[in-house]
N, C-alpha and C. Protein backbone atom coordinates (compact mmCIF):
# COMPACT_ATOMS: atom_id res chain seq x y z
N MET A 1 18.85 -26.36 -15.31
CA MET A 1 18.56 -27.50 -14.46
C MET A 1 19.66 -28.06 -13.60
N LYS A 2 19.44 -28.07 -12.27
CA LYS A 2 20.55 -28.57 -11.31
C LYS A 2 20.82 -30.11 -11.49
N THR A 3 22.06 -30.50 -11.47
CA THR A 3 22.36 -31.79 -11.49
C THR A 3 22.19 -32.47 -10.06
N GLU A 4 22.24 -33.79 -9.97
CA GLU A 4 22.06 -34.41 -8.67
C GLU A 4 23.24 -34.05 -7.86
N GLY A 5 24.46 -34.00 -8.49
CA GLY A 5 25.64 -33.40 -7.62
C GLY A 5 25.61 -32.19 -7.16
N ALA A 6 25.02 -31.16 -7.89
CA ALA A 6 24.87 -29.85 -7.51
C ALA A 6 23.83 -29.80 -6.22
N ASN A 7 22.63 -30.60 -6.46
CA ASN A 7 21.71 -30.65 -5.24
C ASN A 7 22.27 -31.25 -4.06
N ASN A 8 23.23 -32.29 -4.29
CA ASN A 8 23.75 -32.65 -2.95
C ASN A 8 24.64 -31.80 -2.43
N GLU A 9 25.55 -31.16 -3.23
CA GLU A 9 26.48 -30.04 -2.70
C GLU A 9 25.61 -28.85 -2.07
N ALA A 10 24.58 -28.56 -2.55
CA ALA A 10 23.70 -27.44 -1.98
C ALA A 10 23.12 -28.01 -0.51
N ALA A 11 22.72 -29.23 -0.59
CA ALA A 11 22.25 -29.64 0.62
C ALA A 11 23.25 -29.93 1.68
N ASN A 12 24.58 -30.44 1.41
CA ASN A 12 25.64 -30.47 2.38
C ASN A 12 26.04 -29.04 2.78
N LEU A 13 26.00 -28.02 1.97
CA LEU A 13 26.27 -26.83 2.52
C LEU A 13 25.21 -26.20 3.41
N ARG A 14 23.91 -26.51 3.21
CA ARG A 14 22.89 -25.99 4.07
C ARG A 14 23.03 -26.86 5.47
N ASP A 15 23.53 -28.16 5.38
CA ASP A 15 23.62 -28.69 6.68
C ASP A 15 24.84 -28.18 7.40
N GLU A 16 25.84 -27.91 6.72
CA GLU A 16 27.17 -27.32 7.49
C GLU A 16 26.59 -25.93 8.06
N ILE A 17 26.05 -25.12 7.43
CA ILE A 17 25.52 -23.80 7.82
C ILE A 17 24.71 -24.08 9.14
N GLN A 18 23.78 -25.02 9.19
CA GLN A 18 22.93 -25.31 10.12
C GLN A 18 23.80 -25.67 11.35
N ARG A 19 24.80 -26.47 11.15
CA ARG A 19 25.70 -27.02 12.14
C ARG A 19 26.37 -25.89 12.75
N LEU A 20 27.01 -25.07 11.94
CA LEU A 20 27.85 -23.75 12.41
C LEU A 20 26.74 -22.83 13.21
N LYS A 21 25.53 -22.68 12.74
CA LYS A 21 24.67 -21.76 13.48
C LYS A 21 24.69 -22.18 14.88
N LYS A 22 24.40 -23.62 14.98
CA LYS A 22 24.18 -24.19 16.54
C LYS A 22 25.44 -23.90 17.32
N GLU A 23 26.57 -24.24 16.58
CA GLU A 23 27.85 -24.30 17.33
C GLU A 23 28.29 -23.01 17.77
N LYS A 24 28.05 -21.99 16.92
CA LYS A 24 28.46 -20.61 17.23
C LYS A 24 27.42 -19.71 17.89
N ASN A 25 26.16 -20.32 18.15
CA ASN A 25 24.97 -19.66 18.60
C ASN A 25 24.78 -18.52 17.73
N ALA A 26 24.66 -18.75 16.38
CA ALA A 26 24.60 -17.62 15.41
C ALA A 26 23.27 -17.46 14.89
N LEU A 27 22.84 -16.45 14.32
CA LEU A 27 21.65 -15.94 13.91
C LEU A 27 21.88 -15.41 12.41
N ILE A 28 21.15 -16.00 11.45
CA ILE A 28 21.31 -15.34 10.21
C ILE A 28 20.10 -14.62 9.77
N MET A 29 20.30 -13.35 9.49
CA MET A 29 19.19 -12.37 9.11
C MET A 29 19.43 -11.99 7.78
N ALA A 30 18.30 -11.83 6.91
CA ALA A 30 18.53 -11.40 5.49
C ALA A 30 17.48 -10.39 5.17
N HIS A 31 17.95 -9.50 4.37
CA HIS A 31 16.95 -8.32 3.84
C HIS A 31 16.11 -9.17 2.88
N TYR A 32 14.84 -8.66 2.68
CA TYR A 32 13.86 -9.31 1.71
C TYR A 32 14.30 -9.46 0.26
N TYR A 33 15.26 -8.49 -0.09
CA TYR A 33 15.73 -8.66 -1.50
C TYR A 33 16.78 -9.59 -1.85
N GLN A 34 17.34 -10.34 -0.91
CA GLN A 34 18.28 -11.40 -0.90
C GLN A 34 17.71 -12.51 -1.86
N ARG A 35 18.80 -13.22 -2.49
CA ARG A 35 18.38 -14.40 -3.22
C ARG A 35 17.65 -15.48 -2.37
N ASP A 36 16.88 -16.30 -3.12
CA ASP A 36 16.08 -17.35 -2.43
C ASP A 36 16.87 -18.30 -1.56
N GLU A 37 18.09 -18.61 -2.11
CA GLU A 37 19.08 -19.43 -1.47
C GLU A 37 19.44 -18.82 -0.03
N ILE A 38 19.61 -17.59 -0.08
CA ILE A 38 20.04 -16.95 1.34
C ILE A 38 18.67 -16.91 2.07
N GLN A 39 17.69 -16.62 1.67
CA GLN A 39 16.46 -16.40 2.31
C GLN A 39 16.03 -17.98 2.89
N GLU A 40 16.45 -19.01 2.28
CA GLU A 40 16.07 -20.16 2.77
C GLU A 40 16.84 -20.51 4.14
N ILE A 41 18.06 -20.12 4.25
CA ILE A 41 18.72 -20.63 5.38
C ILE A 41 18.67 -19.45 6.57
N ALA A 42 18.01 -18.19 6.23
CA ALA A 42 17.85 -17.18 7.07
C ALA A 42 16.85 -17.57 8.27
N ASP A 43 17.23 -17.11 9.49
CA ASP A 43 16.30 -17.15 10.66
C ASP A 43 15.09 -16.16 10.66
N PHE A 44 15.56 -15.03 10.15
CA PHE A 44 14.60 -13.93 10.02
C PHE A 44 14.84 -13.15 8.59
N ILE A 45 13.69 -12.78 8.02
CA ILE A 45 13.77 -12.04 6.73
C ILE A 45 12.97 -10.82 6.84
N GLY A 46 13.48 -9.70 6.46
CA GLY A 46 12.68 -8.35 6.69
C GLY A 46 13.30 -7.29 6.01
N ASP A 47 12.78 -5.97 6.03
CA ASP A 47 13.33 -4.86 5.78
C ASP A 47 14.38 -4.41 6.72
N SER A 48 15.14 -3.31 6.60
CA SER A 48 16.26 -2.75 7.41
C SER A 48 15.71 -2.62 8.84
N LEU A 49 14.46 -1.85 8.95
CA LEU A 49 14.01 -1.72 10.30
C LEU A 49 13.49 -2.88 11.05
N ALA A 50 12.95 -3.85 10.36
CA ALA A 50 12.59 -5.17 10.94
C ALA A 50 13.74 -5.82 11.44
N LEU A 51 14.72 -5.84 10.76
CA LEU A 51 15.91 -6.61 11.01
C LEU A 51 16.80 -6.08 12.23
N ALA A 52 16.73 -4.62 12.10
CA ALA A 52 17.34 -3.97 13.32
C ALA A 52 16.58 -4.19 14.60
N ARG A 53 15.26 -4.28 14.59
CA ARG A 53 14.52 -4.57 15.80
C ARG A 53 14.71 -6.04 16.11
N GLN A 54 14.77 -6.82 15.30
CA GLN A 54 15.00 -8.16 15.67
C GLN A 54 16.37 -8.53 16.30
N ALA A 55 17.29 -7.72 15.82
CA ALA A 55 18.70 -7.87 16.29
C ALA A 55 18.80 -7.50 17.66
N ALA A 56 17.86 -6.34 17.98
CA ALA A 56 18.01 -5.94 19.39
C ALA A 56 17.40 -6.94 20.44
N LYS A 57 16.63 -7.94 19.94
CA LYS A 57 15.89 -8.87 20.86
C LYS A 57 16.63 -10.17 21.02
N THR A 58 17.67 -10.42 20.07
CA THR A 58 18.35 -11.59 20.10
C THR A 58 19.22 -11.89 21.28
N ASP A 59 19.40 -13.04 21.57
CA ASP A 59 20.65 -13.51 22.52
C ASP A 59 21.66 -14.19 21.86
N ALA A 60 21.73 -14.17 20.43
CA ALA A 60 22.83 -14.75 19.94
C ALA A 60 24.12 -14.12 19.95
N ASP A 61 25.17 -14.97 19.89
CA ASP A 61 26.48 -14.55 20.04
C ASP A 61 27.11 -14.00 18.66
N VAL A 62 26.54 -14.45 17.66
CA VAL A 62 27.04 -13.95 16.25
C VAL A 62 25.65 -13.62 15.47
N ILE A 63 25.67 -12.47 14.67
CA ILE A 63 24.67 -12.36 13.60
C ILE A 63 25.31 -12.10 12.35
N VAL A 64 24.84 -12.94 11.43
CA VAL A 64 25.15 -12.86 10.17
C VAL A 64 24.11 -12.03 9.28
N MET A 65 24.56 -10.90 8.91
CA MET A 65 23.50 -10.07 8.29
C MET A 65 23.63 -10.01 6.72
N CYS A 66 22.70 -10.59 6.06
CA CYS A 66 22.74 -10.68 4.68
C CYS A 66 21.97 -9.51 4.12
N GLY A 67 22.68 -8.52 3.64
CA GLY A 67 22.12 -7.16 3.32
C GLY A 67 23.27 -6.17 3.02
N VAL A 68 23.03 -4.94 3.11
CA VAL A 68 23.91 -3.92 2.70
C VAL A 68 24.85 -3.71 3.89
N HIS A 69 25.97 -2.97 3.71
CA HIS A 69 27.03 -2.77 4.79
C HIS A 69 26.36 -2.12 5.97
N PHE A 70 25.57 -1.09 5.91
CA PHE A 70 25.15 -0.58 7.01
C PHE A 70 24.18 -1.35 8.01
N MET A 71 23.52 -2.38 7.45
CA MET A 71 22.81 -3.32 8.27
C MET A 71 23.67 -3.98 9.11
N GLY A 72 24.86 -4.53 8.63
CA GLY A 72 25.69 -5.17 9.61
C GLY A 72 26.20 -4.33 10.53
N GLU A 73 26.55 -3.15 10.31
CA GLU A 73 27.13 -2.11 11.21
C GLU A 73 25.99 -1.92 12.20
N THR A 74 24.69 -1.83 11.87
CA THR A 74 23.60 -1.40 12.79
C THR A 74 23.66 -2.67 13.77
N ALA A 75 23.53 -3.84 13.35
CA ALA A 75 23.33 -5.16 14.09
C ALA A 75 24.59 -5.17 15.20
N SER A 76 25.76 -4.85 14.69
CA SER A 76 26.92 -5.01 15.62
C SER A 76 26.94 -3.92 16.68
N ASN A 77 26.13 -2.93 16.54
CA ASN A 77 26.19 -1.90 17.65
C ASN A 77 24.93 -1.91 18.45
N VAL A 78 24.17 -3.14 18.35
CA VAL A 78 22.98 -3.40 19.09
C VAL A 78 23.48 -4.20 20.43
N PRO A 79 23.46 -3.78 21.67
CA PRO A 79 23.83 -4.72 22.81
C PRO A 79 22.91 -5.77 23.00
N PRO A 80 23.26 -6.82 23.35
CA PRO A 80 24.45 -7.34 23.86
C PRO A 80 25.20 -8.09 22.81
N ILE A 81 25.10 -7.84 21.41
CA ILE A 81 25.61 -8.62 20.52
C ILE A 81 27.30 -8.46 20.63
N ARG A 82 27.95 -9.69 20.64
CA ARG A 82 29.44 -9.73 20.75
C ARG A 82 30.15 -9.73 19.32
N GLY A 83 29.34 -10.20 18.34
CA GLY A 83 29.92 -10.36 16.91
C GLY A 83 28.89 -10.29 15.86
N ALA A 84 29.22 -9.55 14.82
CA ALA A 84 28.18 -9.51 13.76
C ALA A 84 29.11 -9.70 12.33
N ALA A 85 28.49 -10.25 11.40
CA ALA A 85 29.14 -10.52 10.16
C ALA A 85 28.16 -9.88 9.06
N ARG A 86 28.56 -9.55 7.98
CA ARG A 86 27.83 -9.23 6.84
C ARG A 86 28.24 -9.90 5.50
N ILE A 87 27.15 -10.30 4.81
CA ILE A 87 27.50 -10.94 3.47
C ILE A 87 26.99 -10.22 2.44
N ASN A 88 27.87 -9.89 1.43
CA ASN A 88 27.54 -9.12 0.22
C ASN A 88 27.26 -10.28 -0.97
N SER A 89 25.96 -10.25 -1.22
CA SER A 89 25.66 -11.18 -2.08
C SER A 89 25.61 -10.79 -3.44
N ALA A 90 26.24 -9.75 -3.90
CA ALA A 90 26.41 -9.08 -5.24
C ALA A 90 27.24 -10.14 -6.11
N THR A 91 28.02 -10.86 -5.44
CA THR A 91 28.64 -12.00 -6.33
C THR A 91 28.16 -13.33 -5.93
N PRO A 92 28.66 -14.26 -6.93
CA PRO A 92 27.96 -15.62 -6.69
C PRO A 92 28.66 -16.48 -5.53
N ARG A 93 29.82 -16.04 -5.13
CA ARG A 93 30.49 -17.03 -3.98
C ARG A 93 30.19 -16.30 -2.58
N LEU A 94 30.03 -17.32 -1.68
CA LEU A 94 29.46 -16.68 -0.23
C LEU A 94 30.86 -16.60 0.58
N ALA A 95 31.54 -17.72 0.75
CA ALA A 95 32.64 -17.84 1.71
C ALA A 95 33.56 -16.63 1.74
N PRO A 96 34.19 -16.21 0.56
CA PRO A 96 35.04 -15.09 0.77
C PRO A 96 34.52 -13.81 1.00
N GLU A 97 33.10 -13.73 1.09
CA GLU A 97 32.31 -12.51 1.33
C GLU A 97 31.89 -12.28 2.75
N VAL A 98 32.09 -13.16 3.60
CA VAL A 98 31.79 -13.04 4.87
C VAL A 98 32.78 -12.42 5.50
N MET A 99 32.50 -11.26 6.33
CA MET A 99 33.47 -10.36 6.84
C MET A 99 33.13 -10.07 8.32
N PRO A 100 33.77 -10.57 9.20
CA PRO A 100 33.60 -10.35 10.67
C PRO A 100 33.79 -8.89 11.05
N SER A 101 32.98 -8.49 11.98
CA SER A 101 33.09 -7.09 12.38
C SER A 101 34.24 -6.90 13.29
N THR A 102 34.94 -5.86 13.38
CA THR A 102 36.13 -5.57 14.36
C THR A 102 35.80 -4.62 15.28
């Protein structure tokens, strides 16, 4: 059971993510197998093909792809995307796992 402090921390984190999404013109895309916490903040959820198709349609400056490595690579190769990041959710911490594309 989550404590009130943990709930407040999670809410603050979600608020900060929403703020950054607007500031960076970012889009969060998650594979359907991602944890609920990731899916809750995602703009789009789907399988690899659906996410690649959605990435091709977006005008976002940054795509955060929550899925396997190749999904982030695919999103970063779709014009006119200028930046993409991938999140490896295999471990519990998120911040150190965000890896910008080069």
